[in-house]
N, C-alpha and C. Protein backbone atom coordinates (compact mmCIF):
# COMPACT_ATOMS: atom_id res chain seq x y z
N UNK A 1 123.48 44.62 91.18
CA UNK A 1 122.77 44.39 90.21
C UNK A 1 121.33 43.93 91.00
N UNK A 2 120.39 44.59 90.39
CA UNK A 2 119.03 44.75 90.93
C UNK A 2 118.12 43.49 90.52
N UNK A 3 117.51 42.77 91.66
CA UNK A 3 116.79 41.51 91.34
C UNK A 3 115.71 41.82 90.24
N UNK A 4 115.24 40.90 89.49
CA UNK A 4 114.22 40.86 88.57
C UNK A 4 112.82 40.90 89.03
N UNK A 5 112.04 41.56 88.79
CA UNK A 5 110.62 41.74 89.37
C UNK A 5 110.08 40.70 88.47
N UNK A 6 109.08 39.70 89.02
CA UNK A 6 108.41 38.87 88.07
C UNK A 6 107.46 39.54 87.11
N UNK A 7 106.90 40.90 87.41
CA UNK A 7 106.23 41.56 86.54
C UNK A 7 106.88 42.13 85.29
N UNK A 8 108.27 42.13 85.63
CA UNK A 8 109.10 42.55 84.40
C UNK A 8 109.23 41.65 83.23
N UNK A 9 108.81 40.45 83.40
CA UNK A 9 108.78 39.57 82.63
C UNK A 9 107.69 39.26 81.70
N UNK A 10 107.52 39.67 80.51
CA UNK A 10 106.40 39.63 79.39
C UNK A 10 106.46 37.99 79.14
N UNK A 11 105.54 37.31 79.10
CA UNK A 11 105.38 36.12 78.21
C UNK A 11 104.10 36.06 77.35
N UNK A 12 104.53 35.89 75.99
CA UNK A 12 103.79 35.61 75.16
C UNK A 12 103.33 36.85 74.26
N UNK A 13 102.98 36.80 73.05
CA UNK A 13 102.96 38.21 72.02
C UNK A 13 101.68 38.89 72.66
N UNK A 14 100.85 38.54 73.31
CA UNK A 14 99.54 39.15 73.52
C UNK A 14 100.23 40.18 74.76
N UNK A 15 100.75 39.53 75.70
CA UNK A 15 101.61 40.48 76.65
C UNK A 15 102.25 41.61 76.34
N UNK A 16 103.36 41.16 75.36
CA UNK A 16 104.21 42.01 74.81
C UNK A 16 103.23 43.10 74.11
N UNK A 17 102.42 42.91 73.23
CA UNK A 17 101.70 43.88 72.55
C UNK A 17 100.89 44.79 73.53
N UNK A 18 100.31 44.26 74.54
CA UNK A 18 99.82 45.22 75.61
C UNK A 18 100.94 46.00 76.39
N UNK A 19 101.92 45.43 76.83
CA UNK A 19 103.02 46.22 77.22
C UNK A 19 103.30 47.58 76.21
N UNK A 20 103.19 47.22 75.19
CA UNK A 20 103.57 48.26 73.92
C UNK A 20 102.47 49.47 73.63
N UNK A 21 101.34 49.25 74.24
CA UNK A 21 100.24 49.82 74.11
C UNK A 21 99.68 49.67 72.98
N UNK A 22 99.89 48.37 72.29
CA UNK A 22 99.00 47.82 71.13
C UNK A 22 97.97 47.03 71.63
N UNK A 23 97.11 47.00 70.75
CA UNK A 23 95.81 45.99 71.06
C UNK A 23 96.17 44.71 70.58
N UNK A 24 95.40 43.72 71.07
CA UNK A 24 95.69 42.23 70.69
C UNK A 24 95.64 42.19 69.17
N UNK A 25 94.93 42.94 68.29
CA UNK A 25 94.92 42.73 67.03
C UNK A 25 96.22 43.02 66.09
N UNK A 26 96.97 43.89 67.15
CA UNK A 26 98.58 44.13 66.57
C UNK A 26 99.59 43.08 67.02
N UNK A 27 99.24 41.77 67.38
CA UNK A 27 100.06 40.63 67.53
C UNK A 27 101.23 40.38 66.82
N UNK A 28 100.74 40.34 65.32
CA UNK A 28 101.72 40.33 64.23
C UNK A 28 102.82 41.44 64.23
N UNK A 29 102.39 42.57 64.56
CA UNK A 29 103.08 43.92 64.43
C UNK A 29 104.41 43.55 65.26
N UNK A 30 104.23 42.71 66.54
CA UNK A 30 105.17 42.76 67.61
C UNK A 30 106.10 41.75 66.73
N UNK A 31 105.63 40.58 66.28
CA UNK A 31 106.46 39.59 65.71
C UNK A 31 107.27 40.42 64.41
N UNK A 32 106.76 41.43 63.56
CA UNK A 32 107.49 41.92 62.72
C UNK A 32 108.46 42.93 63.24
N UNK A 33 108.16 43.28 64.35
CA UNK A 33 109.31 44.51 64.86
C UNK A 33 110.44 43.79 65.41
N UNK A 34 110.16 42.57 65.84
CA UNK A 34 111.66 41.77 66.39
C UNK A 34 112.61 41.81 65.06
N UNK A 35 112.03 41.17 63.87
CA UNK A 35 113.11 41.35 62.83
C UNK A 35 113.17 42.77 62.13
N UNK A 36 112.45 43.55 61.97
CA UNK A 36 112.71 44.87 61.16
C UNK A 36 113.23 45.99 62.21
N UNK A 37 112.91 45.96 63.14
CA UNK A 37 113.57 47.15 64.55
C UNK A 37 114.30 46.73 65.49
N UNK A 38 114.71 45.38 65.73
CA UNK A 38 115.22 44.74 66.76
C UNK A 38 114.58 44.71 68.20
N UNK A 39 113.31 44.53 68.03
CA UNK A 39 112.51 44.54 69.38
C UNK A 39 113.26 43.66 70.24
N UNK A 40 113.47 43.91 71.67
CA UNK A 40 114.10 42.81 72.39
C UNK A 40 113.29 41.82 73.10
N UNK A 41 113.17 40.73 71.87
CA UNK A 41 112.01 39.91 72.44
C UNK A 41 112.83 38.43 71.75
N UNK A 42 112.60 37.28 72.88
CA UNK A 42 113.16 36.07 72.30
C UNK A 42 112.11 34.91 72.34
N UNK A 43 112.36 34.04 71.27
CA UNK A 43 111.23 32.83 71.05
C UNK A 43 112.10 31.79 71.71
N UNK A 44 111.51 31.15 72.84
CA UNK A 44 112.12 30.21 73.26
C UNK A 44 110.92 28.99 73.92
N UNK A 45 111.03 27.80 73.47
CA UNK A 45 110.23 26.66 73.67
C UNK A 45 108.81 27.05 73.04
N UNK A 46 108.59 27.58 72.15
CA UNK A 46 107.20 27.98 71.32
C UNK A 46 106.51 29.32 71.81
N UNK A 47 107.25 30.06 72.73
CA UNK A 47 106.45 31.31 73.16
C UNK A 47 107.71 32.33 73.38
N UNK A 48 106.97 33.46 73.01
CA UNK A 48 107.87 34.86 73.06
C UNK A 48 107.92 35.33 74.47
N UNK A 49 109.18 35.79 74.55
CA UNK A 49 109.36 36.64 76.08
C UNK A 49 110.01 37.90 75.76
N UNK A 50 109.78 39.03 76.61
CA UNK A 50 110.61 40.16 76.81
C UNK A 50 110.62 40.83 78.11
N UNK A 51 111.55 41.58 78.38
CA UNK A 51 111.54 42.34 79.58
C UNK A 51 110.92 43.57 79.56
N UNK A 52 110.15 44.07 80.39
CA UNK A 52 109.36 45.41 80.57
C UNK A 52 110.27 46.55 80.28
N UNK A 53 111.28 46.36 81.07
CA UNK A 53 112.13 47.77 81.18
C UNK A 53 112.94 47.55 79.69
N UNK A 54 113.38 46.73 79.18
CA UNK A 54 113.97 46.62 77.93
C UNK A 54 113.16 47.23 76.74
N UNK A 55 111.96 46.96 77.01
CA UNK A 55 110.91 47.25 75.99
C UNK A 55 110.73 48.79 76.00
N UNK A 56 110.76 49.46 77.06
CA UNK A 56 110.79 50.99 77.52
C UNK A 56 111.80 51.50 77.04
N UNK A 57 113.12 50.99 77.24
CA UNK A 57 114.19 51.54 76.49
C UNK A 57 114.17 51.80 74.97
N UNK A 58 113.99 50.45 74.25
CA UNK A 58 113.52 50.21 73.00
C UNK A 58 112.53 51.13 72.47
N UNK A 59 111.38 51.25 72.90
CA UNK A 59 110.45 52.20 72.71
C UNK A 59 110.89 53.70 72.78
N UNK A 60 111.46 54.02 73.67
CA UNK A 60 111.83 55.43 73.60
C UNK A 60 112.98 55.72 72.47
N UNK A 61 113.79 54.92 71.93
CA UNK A 61 114.74 55.00 71.04
C UNK A 61 113.96 55.04 69.70
N UNK A 62 113.01 54.55 69.52
CA UNK A 62 112.08 54.31 68.12
C UNK A 62 110.84 54.90 68.17
N UNK A 63 110.16 55.58 69.05
CA UNK A 63 108.92 56.08 69.16
C UNK A 63 108.40 56.58 67.98
N UNK A 64 108.94 57.78 67.64
CA UNK A 64 108.70 58.63 66.49
C UNK A 64 108.29 57.57 65.07
N UNK A 65 109.29 57.10 64.60
CA UNK A 65 109.42 55.91 63.77
C UNK A 65 108.13 55.06 63.50
N UNK A 66 108.02 54.42 64.77
CA UNK A 66 106.88 53.28 64.86
C UNK A 66 105.65 54.08 64.98
N UNK A 67 105.59 55.29 65.41
CA UNK A 67 104.03 55.96 65.45
C UNK A 67 103.70 56.16 63.82
N UNK A 68 104.65 56.61 63.29
CA UNK A 68 104.39 56.91 61.82
C UNK A 68 103.78 55.51 60.90
N UNK A 69 104.53 54.31 61.24
CA UNK A 69 104.20 53.29 61.05
C UNK A 69 102.81 52.75 60.99
N UNK A 70 102.35 52.94 62.31
CA UNK A 70 101.04 52.57 62.97
C UNK A 70 100.04 53.49 62.74
N UNK A 71 100.26 54.69 62.63
CA UNK A 71 99.47 55.83 62.56
C UNK A 71 99.31 56.29 64.10
N UNK A 72 99.51 57.56 64.07
CA UNK A 72 99.43 58.52 65.25
C UNK A 72 98.42 58.04 66.40
N UNK A 73 98.86 57.78 67.60
CA UNK A 73 97.68 57.38 68.33
C UNK A 73 97.58 55.85 68.56
N UNK A 74 98.21 55.03 67.74
CA UNK A 74 97.54 53.42 67.82
C UNK A 74 98.63 52.90 68.80
N UNK A 75 99.76 53.19 68.86
CA UNK A 75 100.67 52.51 70.06
C UNK A 75 101.13 53.67 71.12
N UNK A 76 100.68 53.39 72.24
CA UNK A 76 100.77 54.24 73.47
C UNK A 76 102.36 54.39 73.90
N UNK A 77 103.03 53.25 73.69
CA UNK A 77 104.33 52.97 74.36
C UNK A 77 104.00 51.98 75.57
N UNK A 78 105.32 51.44 76.36
CA UNK A 78 105.22 50.61 77.05
C UNK A 78 104.68 51.22 78.38
N UNK A 79 104.00 50.22 79.12
CA UNK A 79 103.68 50.71 80.68
C UNK A 79 104.50 50.10 81.59
N UNK A 80 104.71 50.90 82.51
CA UNK A 80 105.19 50.24 83.67
C UNK A 80 104.52 49.70 84.38
N UNK A 81 105.20 48.50 85.04
CA UNK A 81 104.18 47.48 85.91
C UNK A 81 103.81 48.34 87.15
N UNK A 82 102.41 48.08 87.59
CA UNK A 82 102.08 48.94 88.86
C UNK A 82 102.61 48.22 90.00
């Protein structure tokens, strides 16, 4: 089992939205996608958390459908940590 990199843990809706290639104004989209599309994020202690690699896998499975919802070019998809 590989050790988790601290860059892999996203904390807060803003970080999750940015990792998905969404602007800060799309924070509500992130919350909506948790319920509508099963975005892999959890709400603990008043804050949202997600793993970057889980978002990448999730995005690959749903990219076309989500691009249609937001409009082409709005969401660029998850970015890998540098």
